[in-house]
Amino acid sequence: MSVGRIFSGLVLNGVLCVCSYLVPKRRNTFLLGGGLGKSFSGNPKYFYLYLERELSKGRKVWSSHSWITKSDEVLSELQQANRPVIDARTFAGFWAILRSEFLILESGTAIGSGAHDIVYERILLGRFKIVQMWHGSPLKRINLDALHDRENPRLIERIYTKICQLELSRLTVILALSEADASIFRSAFNNNRIVKLGYPKNDVLFGDPQSWGVTLRYQKYDKVLLYAPTFRDHPDVVTPFTSEFLERLDGELRERNWCLLIKKHPYDRGLHVPRYLENILDVTTFENDIQELLVQTDLLITDYSSVFVDFLLRDKPQIFYVYDLDDYKTRSRGMYYELKDMAPGPIARTEEELLDLMLTADEWYLMKTNRVLRAAALERFHSYTAGGACKRVAEALTDGFRELDC
């Protein structure tokens, strides 16, 4: 993104800030955004779909709701489905931001990427009620905690940290899955208005996923494995698999009629999947929403990603493939937990260990030690384990959070 575009975005945010004290809000109006304004995904997506379903059933206690986006693809997708959507790049988008009582989002602020779910660039100050749904359990250090970890920050970085501190402290409410997450959020957001209601996106893990619009693409396989790693903060390219390993694994999968789906993090530059492999599929470019993959997954393979916390609710096996653990701990962002203390499944350091665990998952998954690990992780990371987050959030929003212990 050009410097000029970043500057113009910040100027527009400044105008929004000033106008927010002059323009009245429409009560019980929800404006939702996600994916830094570029995708229809995450917690805001599932809460939006819940509102659409309630509306279709004639149940409505809010005034209006709409998705806001900077993506032509998302705009077209929702318009074709006859769902309320607004282009953030138009005056209608600008006006909707000012008039909506609640702005509902789930991201942080990624510098230089047009990085805000709803507004134009990074920071939003002013008279706004912002519901921060966030996008996962905090395993890696986030927000102010991560900013404070910087050694010898430059003046501009110290100023940016102060502005972030002001913005985050003014959030109306922040969703959390559990007290473990809430205790971290209080520091990372400089904010005590944390509510443990669960995440709307996890409601899709219960009941019929097709009722949420999920297409079950991989039913022809007897077992679906998913590799979903996080990104590395350091600039070096890392490669988790050798080509020889992928070819050998593909053969094992073909024999069993299994498939391995690979969903790369958007910042991943090191993982390349040869197209000639038959049962190993890189689905990164056409599977935008990882929740739609989790509902079809029988075995999850991850590393330092909080995706495992969501998958806990499915009560299925997980493997933690940490081929670069020592390097990650010294060169990437700090973590709130030691992996060995939080992982609800076995840890693999090499390709051979990973392959053995993949092929024997049905055995070790049933062992008592693994059941104990899963139960402990579920208790730590989830206050609710049976869905219903969308309903709880909707009731709290329409009641103005007056009944919640914020």
Protein backbone atom coordinates (compact mmCIF):
# COMPACT_ATOMS: atom_id res chain seq x y z
CA MET A 1 0.00 0.00 0.00
CA SER A 2 1.32 3.44 -0.94
CA VAL A 3 2.20 6.10 1.65
CA GLY A 4 -0.36 8.41 0.03
CA ARG A 5 -3.15 5.89 0.47
CA ILE A 6 -2.22 5.27 4.10
CA PHE A 7 -2.17 9.02 4.72
CA SER A 8 -5.57 9.53 3.07
CA GLY A 9 -6.98 6.66 5.16
CA LEU A 10 -5.73 8.24 8.36
CA VAL A 11 -7.21 11.58 7.31
CA LEU A 12 -10.60 9.95 6.70
CA ASN A 13 -10.39 8.29 10.10
CA GLY A 14 -9.70 11.72 11.60
CA VAL A 15 -12.78 13.15 9.90
CA LEU A 16 -14.80 10.22 11.23
CA CYS A 17 -13.51 10.94 14.72
CA VAL A 18 -14.63 14.58 14.60
CA CYS A 19 -17.99 13.81 12.98
CA SER A 20 -18.71 11.06 15.50
CA TYR A 21 -19.34 13.72 18.16
CA LEU A 22 -21.82 15.54 15.90
CA VAL A 23 -23.81 12.78 14.17
CA PRO A 24 -26.38 10.87 16.30
CA LYS A 25 -26.44 7.06 16.31
CA ARG A 26 -29.36 4.87 15.30
CA ARG A 27 -30.17 2.64 18.28
CA ASN A 28 -29.57 -1.10 17.94
CA THR A 29 -27.89 -0.89 14.53
CA PHE A 30 -25.02 -3.27 13.84
CA LEU A 31 -22.26 -2.68 11.28
CA LEU A 32 -19.98 -5.68 10.87
CA GLY A 33 -16.64 -6.20 9.13
CA GLY A 34 -13.80 -8.70 9.04
CA GLY A 35 -10.63 -9.82 7.31
CA LEU A 36 -9.21 -6.27 7.45
CA GLY A 37 -12.08 -5.26 5.19
CA LYS A 38 -11.13 -7.78 2.51
CA SER A 39 -13.02 -10.97 3.33
CA PHE A 40 -16.31 -12.33 4.65
CA SER A 41 -15.09 -14.50 7.50
CA GLY A 42 -14.55 -15.00 11.18
CA ASN A 43 -16.65 -14.12 14.19
CA PRO A 44 -18.43 -11.14 12.59
CA LYS A 45 -19.43 -13.33 9.62
CA TYR A 46 -21.11 -15.95 11.77
CA PHE A 47 -22.84 -13.37 13.91
CA TYR A 48 -24.06 -11.68 10.71
CA LEU A 49 -25.36 -15.02 9.39
CA TYR A 50 -27.09 -15.62 12.72
CA LEU A 51 -28.84 -12.24 12.41
CA GLU A 52 -29.90 -13.17 8.87
CA ARG A 53 -31.33 -16.49 10.09
CA GLU A 54 -33.21 -14.82 12.94
CA LEU A 55 -34.61 -12.26 10.52
CA SER A 56 -35.84 -15.01 8.20
CA LYS A 57 -37.67 -16.59 11.13
CA GLY A 58 -39.38 -13.30 11.96
CA ARG A 59 -37.34 -12.77 15.13
CA LYS A 60 -35.81 -9.30 15.23
CA VAL A 61 -35.09 -7.07 18.19
CA TRP A 62 -32.51 -4.85 16.49
CA SER A 63 -33.06 -2.00 14.03
CA SER A 64 -30.74 -3.01 11.19
CA HIS A 65 -27.51 -4.79 10.38
CA SER A 66 -25.11 -4.71 7.44
CA TRP A 67 -21.71 -5.98 6.37
CA ILE A 68 -19.15 -3.38 5.30
CA THR A 69 -16.25 -4.22 3.00
CA LYS A 70 -13.46 -2.85 0.81
CA SER A 71 -13.56 -5.93 -1.44
CA ASP A 72 -15.36 -6.04 -4.78
CA GLU A 73 -15.61 -9.83 -4.47
CA VAL A 74 -17.27 -9.73 -1.05
CA LEU A 75 -19.56 -6.93 -2.20
CA SER A 76 -20.68 -8.97 -5.20
CA GLU A 77 -21.08 -12.20 -3.17
CA LEU A 78 -23.40 -10.63 -0.61
CA GLN A 79 -25.33 -8.58 -3.15
CA GLN A 80 -26.02 -11.70 -5.21
CA ALA A 81 -27.28 -13.42 -2.05
CA ASN A 82 -29.53 -10.41 -1.43
CA ARG A 83 -27.87 -9.71 1.90
CA PRO A 84 -27.25 -6.21 3.33
CA VAL A 85 -23.77 -5.00 2.41
CA ILE A 86 -22.13 -1.60 2.07
CA ASP A 87 -19.01 -0.52 0.19
CA ALA A 88 -16.68 1.13 2.73
CA ARG A 89 -15.14 3.21 -0.08
CA THR A 90 -18.35 5.15 -0.71
CA PHE A 91 -20.12 7.94 1.13
CA ALA A 92 -22.81 5.40 2.11
CA GLY A 93 -20.09 3.45 3.90
CA PHE A 94 -18.74 6.56 5.61
CA TRP A 95 -22.27 7.49 6.75
CA ALA A 96 -23.03 3.95 7.97
CA ILE A 97 -19.94 4.02 10.18
CA LEU A 98 -21.08 7.26 11.76
CA ARG A 99 -24.72 6.25 12.23
CA SER A 100 -24.37 2.66 13.48
CA GLU A 101 -24.63 2.16 17.22
CA PHE A 102 -22.29 -0.86 17.27
CA LEU A 103 -19.24 -1.47 15.08
CA ILE A 104 -18.45 -5.18 15.24
CA LEU A 105 -14.99 -6.39 14.22
CA GLU A 106 -12.39 -9.04 15.03
CA SER A 107 -8.92 -7.99 13.91
CA GLY A 108 -5.90 -6.16 15.13
CA THR A 109 -4.16 -3.48 13.11
CA ALA A 110 -1.63 -4.69 10.56
CA ILE A 111 0.50 -1.73 9.58
CA GLY A 112 0.40 -0.76 5.92
CA SER A 113 -2.33 -3.11 4.72
CA GLY A 114 -5.42 -0.92 4.74
CA ALA A 115 -5.68 -2.59 8.06
CA HIS A 116 -9.01 -2.23 9.73
CA ASP A 117 -12.08 -4.41 9.47
CA ILE A 118 -14.42 -1.45 9.10
CA VAL A 119 -12.73 1.93 8.68
CA TYR A 120 -9.97 3.08 6.39
CA GLU A 121 -6.63 2.61 8.10
CA ARG A 122 -5.38 1.30 11.44
CA ILE A 123 -6.60 3.39 14.35
CA LEU A 124 -10.16 4.55 15.06
CA LEU A 125 -10.82 7.11 17.79
CA GLY A 126 -14.02 9.01 18.51
CA ARG A 127 -17.52 8.42 19.87
CA PHE A 128 -18.03 4.84 18.72
CA LYS A 129 -19.27 1.69 20.42
CA ILE A 130 -16.85 -0.95 19.21
CA VAL A 131 -17.41 -4.65 19.89
CA GLN A 132 -14.07 -6.44 19.51
CA MET A 133 -14.83 -10.11 18.86
CA TRP A 134 -11.16 -10.93 18.23
CA HIS A 135 -10.22 -13.96 16.15
CA GLY A 136 -8.72 -16.55 18.46
CA SER A 137 -7.32 -17.41 21.86
CA PRO A 138 -4.17 -15.43 22.69
CA LEU A 139 -1.29 -17.89 22.61
CA LYS A 140 1.25 -15.55 21.02
CA ARG A 141 1.70 -12.17 22.70
CA ILE A 142 -0.66 -9.63 21.14
CA ASN A 143 -1.46 -5.94 20.91
CA LEU A 144 0.04 -3.86 23.75
CA ASP A 145 1.88 -6.83 25.24
CA ALA A 146 3.66 -7.39 21.93
CA LEU A 147 4.33 -3.67 21.45
CA HIS A 148 5.82 -3.38 24.94
CA ASP A 149 8.15 -6.30 24.18
CA ARG A 150 10.04 -4.28 21.57
CA GLU A 151 13.64 -3.48 22.46
CA ASN A 152 14.70 0.18 22.18
CA PRO A 153 11.60 1.35 20.28
CA ARG A 154 11.94 4.41 18.10
CA LEU A 155 10.03 7.58 18.93
CA ILE A 156 7.41 6.90 16.24
CA GLU A 157 6.89 3.40 17.68
CA ARG A 158 6.41 4.80 21.18
CA ILE A 159 3.86 7.30 19.88
CA TYR A 160 2.05 4.53 17.97
CA THR A 161 1.92 2.42 21.14
CA LYS A 162 0.36 5.30 23.09
CA ILE A 163 -2.30 5.81 20.42
CA CYS A 164 -3.06 2.08 20.36
CA GLN A 165 -3.33 2.11 24.13
CA LEU A 166 -5.88 4.92 23.95
CA GLU A 167 -7.89 3.20 21.21
CA LEU A 168 -7.96 -0.22 22.87
CA SER A 169 -8.86 1.17 26.28
CA ARG A 170 -11.99 2.72 24.76
CA LEU A 171 -13.39 -0.47 23.23
CA THR A 172 -16.96 -0.97 24.41
CA VAL A 173 -16.54 -4.67 25.02
CA ILE A 174 -14.19 -7.52 24.09
CA LEU A 175 -15.36 -11.10 23.64
CA ALA A 176 -13.42 -13.93 25.22
CA LEU A 177 -13.76 -17.70 25.34
CA SER A 178 -12.64 -18.19 28.93
CA GLU A 179 -11.13 -16.58 32.01
CA ALA A 180 -7.69 -17.67 30.76
CA ASP A 181 -8.19 -15.52 27.66
CA ALA A 182 -9.88 -12.70 29.60
CA SER A 183 -6.94 -12.31 31.96
CA ILE A 184 -4.60 -11.86 29.00
CA PHE A 185 -6.94 -9.49 27.17
CA ARG A 186 -7.11 -7.17 30.19
CA SER A 187 -3.41 -6.46 29.77
CA ALA A 188 -3.13 -6.72 25.98
CA PHE A 189 -6.10 -4.37 25.40
CA ASN A 190 -5.59 -2.14 28.46
CA ASN A 191 -9.28 -2.75 29.07
CA ASN A 192 -11.36 -4.51 31.73
CA ARG A 193 -14.58 -4.72 29.71
CA ILE A 194 -14.15 -8.39 28.85
CA VAL A 195 -17.17 -10.69 28.50
CA LYS A 196 -16.87 -14.47 28.38
CA LEU A 197 -19.64 -15.36 25.94
CA GLY A 198 -17.75 -17.59 23.51
CA TYR A 199 -17.05 -16.93 19.83
CA PRO A 200 -19.86 -16.82 17.24
CA LYS A 201 -17.71 -18.63 14.67
CA ASN A 202 -17.67 -21.74 16.85
CA ASP A 203 -21.44 -22.15 16.57
CA VAL A 204 -20.84 -23.70 13.14
CA LEU A 205 -19.08 -26.61 14.87
CA PHE A 206 -22.39 -27.74 16.36
CA GLY A 207 -25.36 -29.12 14.46
CA ASP A 208 -25.61 -29.08 10.67
CA PRO A 209 -22.81 -26.97 9.08
CA GLN A 210 -24.76 -26.76 5.83
CA SER A 211 -27.35 -24.63 7.64
CA TRP A 212 -24.56 -22.03 7.84
CA GLY A 213 -23.91 -22.26 4.11
CA VAL A 214 -20.92 -24.62 4.40
CA THR A 215 -20.25 -26.75 1.33
CA LEU A 216 -19.01 -30.23 2.30
CA ARG A 217 -16.43 -30.73 -0.45
CA TYR A 218 -14.39 -33.63 0.89
CA GLN A 219 -16.93 -36.33 1.71
CA LYS A 220 -15.48 -38.75 -0.84
CA TYR A 221 -12.49 -39.33 1.47
CA ASP A 222 -12.63 -41.75 4.38
CA LYS A 223 -10.66 -39.33 6.55
CA VAL A 224 -9.80 -35.62 6.18
CA LEU A 225 -6.61 -34.27 7.71
CA LEU A 226 -5.94 -30.53 7.92
CA TYR A 227 -2.57 -28.79 8.27
CA ALA A 228 -3.14 -25.21 9.47
CA PRO A 229 0.03 -23.49 10.74
CA THR A 230 0.54 -19.94 11.93
CA PHE A 231 3.08 -17.46 10.53
CA ARG A 232 6.61 -16.63 11.67
CA ASP A 233 7.51 -13.10 12.78
CA HIS A 234 11.07 -13.31 11.48
CA PRO A 235 11.75 -12.61 7.78
CA ASP A 236 13.37 -15.94 6.86
CA VAL A 237 11.43 -18.42 4.75
CA VAL A 238 10.86 -21.73 6.54
CA THR A 239 9.85 -24.98 4.89
CA PRO A 240 7.98 -27.50 7.07
CA PHE A 241 8.16 -30.44 4.64
CA THR A 242 10.64 -31.86 2.19
CA SER A 243 9.36 -32.82 -1.25
CA GLU A 244 10.38 -36.44 -0.56
CA PHE A 245 8.20 -36.49 2.56
CA LEU A 246 5.20 -35.06 0.73
CA GLU A 247 5.51 -37.69 -2.01
CA ARG A 248 5.77 -40.49 0.54
CA LEU A 249 2.82 -39.10 2.53
CA ASP A 250 0.72 -38.77 -0.61
CA GLY A 251 1.23 -42.47 -1.27
CA GLU A 252 0.15 -43.39 2.26
CA LEU A 253 -2.95 -41.21 1.92
CA ARG A 254 -3.92 -42.71 -1.44
CA GLU A 255 -3.75 -46.23 -0.01
CA ARG A 256 -6.18 -45.28 2.76
CA ASN A 257 -8.41 -42.94 0.75
CA TRP A 258 -7.46 -40.08 3.10
CA CYS A 259 -6.63 -36.54 2.10
CA LEU A 260 -4.48 -33.83 3.65
CA LEU A 261 -5.76 -30.28 3.22
CA ILE A 262 -3.19 -27.52 3.61
CA LYS A 263 -4.47 -24.12 4.67
CA LYS A 264 -1.57 -21.68 4.79
CA HIS A 265 -1.52 -18.52 6.85
CA PRO A 266 -1.83 -15.40 4.62
CA TYR A 267 1.73 -14.40 5.56
CA ASP A 268 3.24 -17.83 4.79
CA ARG A 269 5.84 -17.76 2.00
CA GLY A 270 7.69 -21.02 2.52
CA LEU A 271 5.22 -23.85 2.01
CA HIS A 272 4.74 -25.05 -1.57
CA VAL A 273 2.64 -28.07 -2.48
CA PRO A 274 3.46 -29.78 -5.80
CA ARG A 275 0.39 -29.94 -8.03
CA TYR A 276 1.06 -33.52 -9.09
CA LEU A 277 0.23 -34.83 -5.61
CA GLU A 278 -3.21 -36.43 -5.65
CA ASN A 279 -4.31 -36.55 -2.00
CA ILE A 280 -2.49 -33.50 -0.64
CA LEU A 281 -4.42 -30.38 -1.55
CA ASP A 282 -3.41 -26.77 -1.03
CA VAL A 283 -6.80 -25.15 -0.40
CA THR A 284 -5.46 -21.75 0.69
CA THR A 285 -6.67 -19.74 -2.28
CA PHE A 286 -10.23 -21.04 -2.47
CA GLU A 287 -11.05 -21.87 1.17
CA ASN A 288 -11.18 -18.48 2.83
CA ASP A 289 -12.88 -19.47 6.07
CA ILE A 290 -11.03 -22.02 8.17
CA GLN A 291 -14.15 -22.82 10.22
CA GLU A 292 -15.61 -24.37 7.07
CA LEU A 293 -12.61 -26.70 7.01
CA LEU A 294 -12.72 -27.52 10.72
CA VAL A 295 -16.25 -28.93 10.45
CA GLN A 296 -14.97 -31.41 7.85
CA THR A 297 -11.70 -32.31 9.57
CA ASP A 298 -11.02 -35.61 11.34
CA LEU A 299 -7.44 -34.84 12.39
CA LEU A 300 -5.88 -31.40 12.85
CA ILE A 301 -2.17 -30.72 12.48
CA THR A 302 -0.98 -27.29 13.61
CA ASP A 303 1.93 -25.65 15.39
CA TYR A 304 1.66 -22.47 17.48
CA SER A 305 -1.73 -21.45 16.11
CA SER A 306 -4.80 -20.99 18.29
CA VAL A 307 -6.86 -22.91 15.72
CA PHE A 308 -6.48 -25.90 18.02
CA VAL A 309 -8.63 -24.13 20.64
CA ASP A 310 -11.61 -24.00 18.29
CA PHE A 311 -11.03 -27.61 17.20
CA LEU A 312 -11.13 -28.76 20.83
CA LEU A 313 -14.90 -28.38 20.62
CA ARG A 314 -15.04 -31.16 18.02
CA ASP A 315 -13.30 -33.63 20.36
CA LYS A 316 -11.07 -35.07 17.65
CA PRO A 317 -7.31 -35.76 17.53
CA GLN A 318 -4.72 -33.04 17.11
CA ILE A 319 -0.98 -33.15 16.43
CA PHE A 320 1.42 -30.28 17.06
CA TYR A 321 4.14 -30.28 14.40
CA VAL A 322 6.87 -27.94 15.68
CA TYR A 323 9.89 -28.62 13.48
CA ASP A 324 11.34 -25.18 14.34
CA LEU A 325 10.41 -24.91 18.02
CA ASP A 326 13.76 -23.67 19.32
CA ASP A 327 14.12 -21.13 16.51
CA TYR A 328 10.54 -19.98 16.91
CA LYS A 329 10.94 -19.39 20.65
CA THR A 330 14.04 -17.25 20.16
CA ARG A 331 13.19 -15.31 16.99
CA SER A 332 9.43 -14.93 16.85
CA ARG A 333 6.95 -13.18 19.08
CA GLY A 334 6.82 -14.38 22.67
CA MET A 335 4.09 -16.76 23.86
CA TYR A 336 1.88 -16.73 26.92
CA TYR A 337 2.18 -20.49 27.41
CA GLU A 338 4.76 -23.20 27.02
CA LEU A 339 3.61 -25.52 24.24
CA LYS A 340 4.05 -28.62 26.37
CA ASP A 341 1.74 -27.16 29.02
CA MET A 342 -1.17 -26.37 26.71
CA ALA A 343 -1.08 -28.86 23.82
CA PRO A 344 -4.04 -31.31 23.98
CA GLY A 345 -2.24 -33.80 21.79
CA PRO A 346 1.19 -35.22 20.94
CA ILE A 347 4.08 -33.06 19.74
CA ALA A 348 6.15 -34.00 16.66
CA ARG A 349 9.55 -32.45 15.96
CA THR A 350 10.44 -34.38 12.80
CA GLU A 351 8.70 -35.61 9.66
CA GLU A 352 9.08 -39.22 10.78
CA GLU A 353 7.43 -38.50 14.13
CA LEU A 354 4.64 -36.65 12.37
CA LEU A 355 3.96 -39.47 9.91
CA ASP A 356 3.86 -42.08 12.66
CA LEU A 357 1.38 -40.00 14.69
CA MET A 358 -0.82 -39.37 11.66
CA LEU A 359 -1.09 -43.07 10.83
CA THR A 360 -1.69 -44.17 14.43
CA ALA A 361 -4.08 -41.39 15.53
CA ASP A 362 -6.98 -43.77 16.08
CA GLU A 363 -4.89 -45.57 18.70
CA TRP A 364 -3.24 -42.82 20.75
CA TYR A 365 -6.36 -40.64 20.62
CA LEU A 366 -8.23 -43.14 22.80
CA MET A 367 -5.47 -43.47 25.40
CA LYS A 368 -6.21 -42.12 28.86
CA THR A 369 -3.27 -39.69 28.82
CA ASN A 370 -4.64 -38.02 25.69
CA ARG A 371 -8.17 -37.85 27.10
CA VAL A 372 -6.81 -36.11 30.20
CA LEU A 373 -4.89 -33.58 28.07
CA ARG A 374 -8.00 -32.76 26.04
CA ALA A 375 -10.19 -32.38 29.10
CA ALA A 376 -7.69 -30.04 30.76
CA ALA A 377 -7.36 -27.89 27.63
CA LEU A 378 -11.13 -27.72 27.18
CA GLU A 379 -11.59 -26.56 30.77
CA ARG A 380 -8.85 -23.93 30.40
CA PHE A 381 -9.89 -22.44 27.07
CA HIS A 382 -13.70 -22.73 26.96
CA SER A 383 -16.33 -21.43 29.36
CA TYR A 384 -19.04 -22.75 27.00
CA THR A 385 -18.74 -26.07 25.20
CA ALA A 386 -22.12 -26.47 23.48
CA GLY A 387 -22.43 -23.50 21.13
CA GLY A 388 -24.99 -20.73 21.45
CA ALA A 389 -22.49 -17.86 21.35
CA CYS A 390 -24.39 -15.92 18.67
CA LYS A 391 -27.55 -15.93 20.78
CA ARG A 392 -25.69 -14.82 23.89
CA VAL A 393 -23.98 -11.98 22.03
CA ALA A 394 -27.20 -10.83 20.36
CA GLU A 395 -29.01 -10.70 23.67
CA ALA A 396 -26.15 -8.80 25.28
CA LEU A 397 -25.94 -6.29 22.42
CA THR A 398 -29.63 -5.51 22.34
CA ASP A 399 -29.57 -5.06 26.11
CA GLY A 400 -26.63 -2.70 25.80
CA PHE A 401 -24.39 -4.94 27.93
CA ARG A 402 -26.09 -3.52 31.01
CA GLU A 403 -26.48 -6.93 32.61
CA LEU A 404 -22.92 -8.07 32.00
CA ASP A 405 -20.08 -7.94 34.50
CA CYS A 406 -17.73 -5.76 32.46
